[in-house]
Every structure is written in C-alpha cells, then in structure tokens.
Amino acid sequence: MNIVKRLGLAVWVKDLKAARALGRWGNIHFISKRLKYVYLYIDELTADRIVTQIEQLPNVLRVERSQRNRMDFDFRKEVEPSST
C-alpha cells in the first residue's frame, strides 16, 4: 500500500456555487458558508501546478497553503519553568 502525501489548501472564493467545483482538483474537506472559503486536500507532488490553476479561476480570491508540514510535532522536549 502506497500512502500519498497530501497538502491542505484554504481557498477563498467569491461565490459558494463555484466552491463546489474545486472538487476537480482535490478532496474537499470543509466549506465555510459564512467566511466563503474551502479547505481541500491535494496531492503534494503536483501541488505547485494545481495551486497555479486554482489561482487563475475567476471566482478565487486567494489560495493559502497549509503550514502543518513546517510545524514541529516533537513534544518530548521538556518545557522550561517560567520565572514568574
């Protein structure tokens, strides 16, 4: 079994009808009706090409990449005691 690395994208849209069409490029995880954004997962290997295609769509305001892969999830370090 081969596990594909994914990248999360937050795509801010003008119209929610166009938001459902983003399923062509990835797996839609969440659609916010109030804030008008879509969170979707795409394949990390083709992320650059897909992001440029999504940014060129007429109903897309901006695209933000997930910062999760840049975070450190190693919680074994001891926390330094505060001096207060």
N, C-alpha and C. Protein backbone atom coordinates (compact mmCIF):
# COMPACT_ATOMS: atom_id res chain seq x y z
N MET A 1 0.84 -1.18 0.00
CA MET A 1 0.00 0.00 0.00
C MET A 1 0.89 1.24 0.00
N ASN A 2 0.62 2.14 -0.90
CA ASN A 2 1.41 3.35 -1.04
C ASN A 2 0.61 4.54 -0.52
N ILE A 3 1.12 5.21 0.49
CA ILE A 3 0.43 6.37 1.06
C ILE A 3 0.96 7.63 0.39
N VAL A 4 0.05 8.41 -0.17
CA VAL A 4 0.41 9.63 -0.88
C VAL A 4 0.40 10.80 0.10
N LYS A 5 1.44 11.63 0.06
CA LYS A 5 1.47 12.81 0.92
C LYS A 5 0.49 13.84 0.36
N ARG A 6 -0.21 14.49 1.28
CA ARG A 6 -1.21 15.47 0.88
C ARG A 6 -0.82 16.84 1.39
N LEU A 7 -1.38 17.85 0.77
CA LEU A 7 -1.18 19.23 1.17
C LEU A 7 -2.55 19.88 1.32
N GLY A 8 -2.76 20.58 2.42
CA GLY A 8 -4.02 21.26 2.64
C GLY A 8 -3.99 22.66 2.06
N LEU A 9 -5.10 23.06 1.46
CA LEU A 9 -5.23 24.40 0.88
C LEU A 9 -6.49 25.06 1.42
N ALA A 10 -6.37 26.33 1.77
CA ALA A 10 -7.53 27.15 2.07
C ALA A 10 -7.73 28.06 0.88
N VAL A 11 -8.86 27.93 0.21
CA VAL A 11 -9.15 28.69 -1.00
C VAL A 11 -10.31 29.62 -0.69
N TRP A 12 -10.05 30.93 -0.76
CA TRP A 12 -11.07 31.94 -0.51
C TRP A 12 -11.77 32.24 -1.83
N VAL A 13 -13.11 32.15 -1.83
CA VAL A 13 -13.88 32.29 -3.07
C VAL A 13 -14.88 33.43 -2.97
N LYS A 14 -15.33 33.90 -4.14
CA LYS A 14 -16.35 34.94 -4.20
C LYS A 14 -17.75 34.35 -4.10
N ASP A 15 -17.92 33.16 -4.67
CA ASP A 15 -19.24 32.55 -4.78
C ASP A 15 -19.17 31.09 -4.32
N LEU A 16 -20.12 30.66 -3.52
CA LEU A 16 -20.09 29.30 -3.00
C LEU A 16 -20.48 28.25 -4.04
N LYS A 17 -21.20 28.65 -5.08
CA LYS A 17 -21.51 27.69 -6.14
C LYS A 17 -20.23 27.26 -6.84
N ALA A 18 -19.33 28.19 -7.02
CA ALA A 18 -18.05 27.87 -7.65
C ALA A 18 -17.16 27.07 -6.71
N ALA A 19 -17.43 27.15 -5.41
CA ALA A 19 -16.61 26.44 -4.44
C ALA A 19 -16.73 24.93 -4.61
N ARG A 20 -17.92 24.45 -4.96
CA ARG A 20 -18.11 23.02 -5.14
C ARG A 20 -17.33 22.49 -6.34
N ALA A 21 -17.05 23.35 -7.30
CA ALA A 21 -16.31 22.93 -8.49
C ALA A 21 -14.84 22.66 -8.18
N LEU A 22 -14.35 23.09 -7.02
CA LEU A 22 -12.96 22.85 -6.65
C LEU A 22 -12.68 21.38 -6.38
N GLY A 23 -13.71 20.58 -6.30
CA GLY A 23 -13.54 19.15 -6.11
C GLY A 23 -12.83 18.47 -7.28
N ARG A 24 -12.74 19.16 -8.40
CA ARG A 24 -12.00 18.62 -9.56
C ARG A 24 -10.51 18.49 -9.25
N TRP A 25 -9.99 19.37 -8.40
CA TRP A 25 -8.56 19.42 -8.14
C TRP A 25 -8.14 18.68 -6.88
N GLY A 26 -9.07 18.40 -6.00
CA GLY A 26 -8.71 17.70 -4.77
C GLY A 26 -9.93 17.26 -3.99
N ASN A 27 -9.70 16.80 -2.78
CA ASN A 27 -10.77 16.34 -1.90
C ASN A 27 -11.22 17.48 -1.00
N ILE A 28 -12.46 17.91 -1.16
CA ILE A 28 -12.99 18.99 -0.34
C ILE A 28 -13.25 18.44 1.06
N HIS A 29 -12.67 19.12 2.05
CA HIS A 29 -12.83 18.71 3.44
C HIS A 29 -13.89 19.54 4.14
N PHE A 30 -13.94 20.84 3.84
CA PHE A 30 -14.86 21.74 4.54
C PHE A 30 -15.17 22.94 3.66
N ILE A 31 -16.43 23.40 3.68
CA ILE A 31 -16.83 24.63 3.01
C ILE A 31 -17.47 25.53 4.05
N SER A 32 -16.91 26.73 4.22
CA SER A 32 -17.46 27.69 5.16
C SER A 32 -18.39 28.64 4.41
N LYS A 33 -19.66 28.60 4.76
CA LYS A 33 -20.63 29.48 4.09
C LYS A 33 -20.49 30.92 4.56
N ARG A 34 -20.18 31.09 5.82
CA ARG A 34 -20.11 32.44 6.37
C ARG A 34 -18.85 33.18 5.92
N LEU A 35 -17.71 32.51 5.96
CA LEU A 35 -16.45 33.15 5.60
C LEU A 35 -16.06 32.94 4.14
N LYS A 36 -16.82 32.12 3.42
CA LYS A 36 -16.62 31.86 1.99
C LYS A 36 -15.22 31.36 1.67
N TYR A 37 -14.87 30.24 2.29
CA TYR A 37 -13.63 29.58 1.92
C TYR A 37 -13.85 28.08 1.87
N VAL A 38 -12.95 27.42 1.17
CA VAL A 38 -13.00 25.97 1.01
C VAL A 38 -11.67 25.42 1.48
N TYR A 39 -11.70 24.36 2.28
CA TYR A 39 -10.47 23.69 2.67
C TYR A 39 -10.45 22.37 1.94
N LEU A 40 -9.40 22.15 1.15
CA LEU A 40 -9.30 20.92 0.40
C LEU A 40 -7.89 20.36 0.47
N TYR A 41 -7.79 19.07 0.23
CA TYR A 41 -6.51 18.37 0.22
C TYR A 41 -6.17 18.01 -1.21
N ILE A 42 -4.88 18.23 -1.56
CA ILE A 42 -4.40 17.88 -2.89
C ILE A 42 -3.14 17.03 -2.75
N ASP A 43 -2.73 16.41 -3.83
CA ASP A 43 -1.52 15.60 -3.86
C ASP A 43 -0.31 16.54 -3.78
N GLU A 44 0.62 16.24 -2.87
CA GLU A 44 1.76 17.13 -2.64
C GLU A 44 2.71 17.18 -3.84
N LEU A 45 2.79 16.11 -4.62
CA LEU A 45 3.71 16.08 -5.76
C LEU A 45 3.30 17.04 -6.87
N THR A 46 2.01 17.24 -7.05
CA THR A 46 1.52 18.12 -8.11
C THR A 46 0.97 19.43 -7.55
N ALA A 47 1.35 19.79 -6.34
CA ALA A 47 0.76 20.94 -5.66
C ALA A 47 1.02 22.26 -6.37
N ASP A 48 2.24 22.48 -6.85
CA ASP A 48 2.55 23.76 -7.49
C ASP A 48 1.69 23.99 -8.73
N ARG A 49 1.54 22.97 -9.53
CA ARG A 49 0.75 23.09 -10.76
C ARG A 49 -0.73 23.32 -10.43
N ILE A 50 -1.24 22.61 -9.44
CA ILE A 50 -2.65 22.73 -9.08
C ILE A 50 -2.94 24.10 -8.46
N VAL A 51 -2.03 24.60 -7.62
CA VAL A 51 -2.23 25.91 -6.99
C VAL A 51 -2.28 27.01 -8.05
N THR A 52 -1.41 26.95 -9.05
CA THR A 52 -1.45 27.98 -10.10
C THR A 52 -2.73 27.88 -10.92
N GLN A 53 -3.24 26.67 -11.15
CA GLN A 53 -4.51 26.52 -11.86
C GLN A 53 -5.67 27.08 -11.06
N ILE A 54 -5.68 26.82 -9.76
CA ILE A 54 -6.77 27.31 -8.91
C ILE A 54 -6.73 28.82 -8.80
N GLU A 55 -5.53 29.40 -8.69
CA GLU A 55 -5.41 30.85 -8.58
C GLU A 55 -5.91 31.57 -9.82
N GLN A 56 -5.90 30.93 -10.96
CA GLN A 56 -6.33 31.56 -12.20
C GLN A 56 -7.84 31.50 -12.41
N LEU A 57 -8.56 30.79 -11.55
CA LEU A 57 -10.01 30.71 -11.68
C LEU A 57 -10.64 32.06 -11.36
N PRO A 58 -11.71 32.44 -12.06
CA PRO A 58 -12.29 33.78 -11.88
C PRO A 58 -12.94 34.02 -10.51
N ASN A 59 -13.43 32.99 -9.85
CA ASN A 59 -14.12 33.17 -8.58
C ASN A 59 -13.22 32.98 -7.36
N VAL A 60 -11.93 32.81 -7.56
CA VAL A 60 -10.99 32.59 -6.46
C VAL A 60 -10.32 33.90 -6.08
N LEU A 61 -10.37 34.24 -4.80
CA LEU A 61 -9.73 35.47 -4.32
C LEU A 61 -8.27 35.22 -3.96
N ARG A 62 -8.01 34.17 -3.17
CA ARG A 62 -6.63 33.83 -2.82
C ARG A 62 -6.55 32.38 -2.37
N VAL A 63 -5.33 31.86 -2.40
CA VAL A 63 -5.07 30.47 -2.01
C VAL A 63 -3.96 30.48 -0.97
N GLU A 64 -4.20 29.81 0.16
CA GLU A 64 -3.20 29.71 1.22
C GLU A 64 -2.85 28.25 1.42
N ARG A 65 -1.55 27.98 1.48
CA ARG A 65 -1.08 26.62 1.74
C ARG A 65 -1.08 26.35 3.25
N SER A 66 -1.28 25.10 3.60
CA SER A 66 -1.23 24.70 5.00
C SER A 66 0.20 24.79 5.52
N GLN A 67 0.34 25.21 6.76
CA GLN A 67 1.65 25.32 7.40
C GLN A 67 1.98 24.09 8.24
N ARG A 68 1.16 23.08 8.18
CA ARG A 68 1.33 21.91 9.04
C ARG A 68 2.65 21.19 8.82
N ASN A 69 3.11 21.09 7.58
CA ASN A 69 4.35 20.36 7.33
C ASN A 69 5.58 21.13 7.82
N ARG A 70 5.44 22.38 8.16
CA ARG A 70 6.55 23.18 8.70
C ARG A 70 6.58 23.18 10.22
N MET A 71 5.54 22.68 10.86
CA MET A 71 5.47 22.68 12.32
C MET A 71 6.24 21.50 12.90
N ASP A 72 6.74 21.70 14.10
CA ASP A 72 7.45 20.64 14.81
C ASP A 72 6.48 19.97 15.77
N PHE A 73 6.25 18.69 15.57
CA PHE A 73 5.32 17.95 16.42
C PHE A 73 6.06 17.03 17.38
N ASP A 74 7.30 17.35 17.70
CA ASP A 74 8.07 16.59 18.66
C ASP A 74 7.86 17.21 20.04
N PHE A 75 7.00 16.59 20.84
CA PHE A 75 6.63 17.14 22.14
C PHE A 75 7.39 16.49 23.28
N ARG A 76 8.49 15.81 22.98
CA ARG A 76 9.26 15.15 24.02
C ARG A 76 10.17 16.11 24.78
N LYS A 77 10.40 17.29 24.24
CA LYS A 77 11.27 18.25 24.91
C LYS A 77 10.59 18.74 26.19
N GLU A 78 11.41 18.97 27.21
CA GLU A 78 10.86 19.48 28.46
C GLU A 78 10.63 20.98 28.35
N VAL A 79 9.57 21.42 28.96
CA VAL A 79 9.25 22.83 28.95
C VAL A 79 10.06 23.51 30.05
N GLU A 80 10.66 24.62 29.70
CA GLU A 80 11.45 25.35 30.70
C GLU A 80 10.50 25.99 31.71
N PRO A 81 10.83 25.92 33.00
CA PRO A 81 9.96 26.53 34.01
C PRO A 81 9.96 28.05 33.86
N SER A 82 8.79 28.63 34.05
CA SER A 82 8.70 30.09 33.93
C SER A 82 9.26 30.74 35.18
N SER A 83 9.79 31.93 35.02
CA SER A 83 10.45 32.62 36.13
C SER A 83 9.52 33.63 36.80
N THR A 84 8.22 33.40 36.75
CA THR A 84 7.29 34.34 37.38
C THR A 84 6.90 33.91 38.76
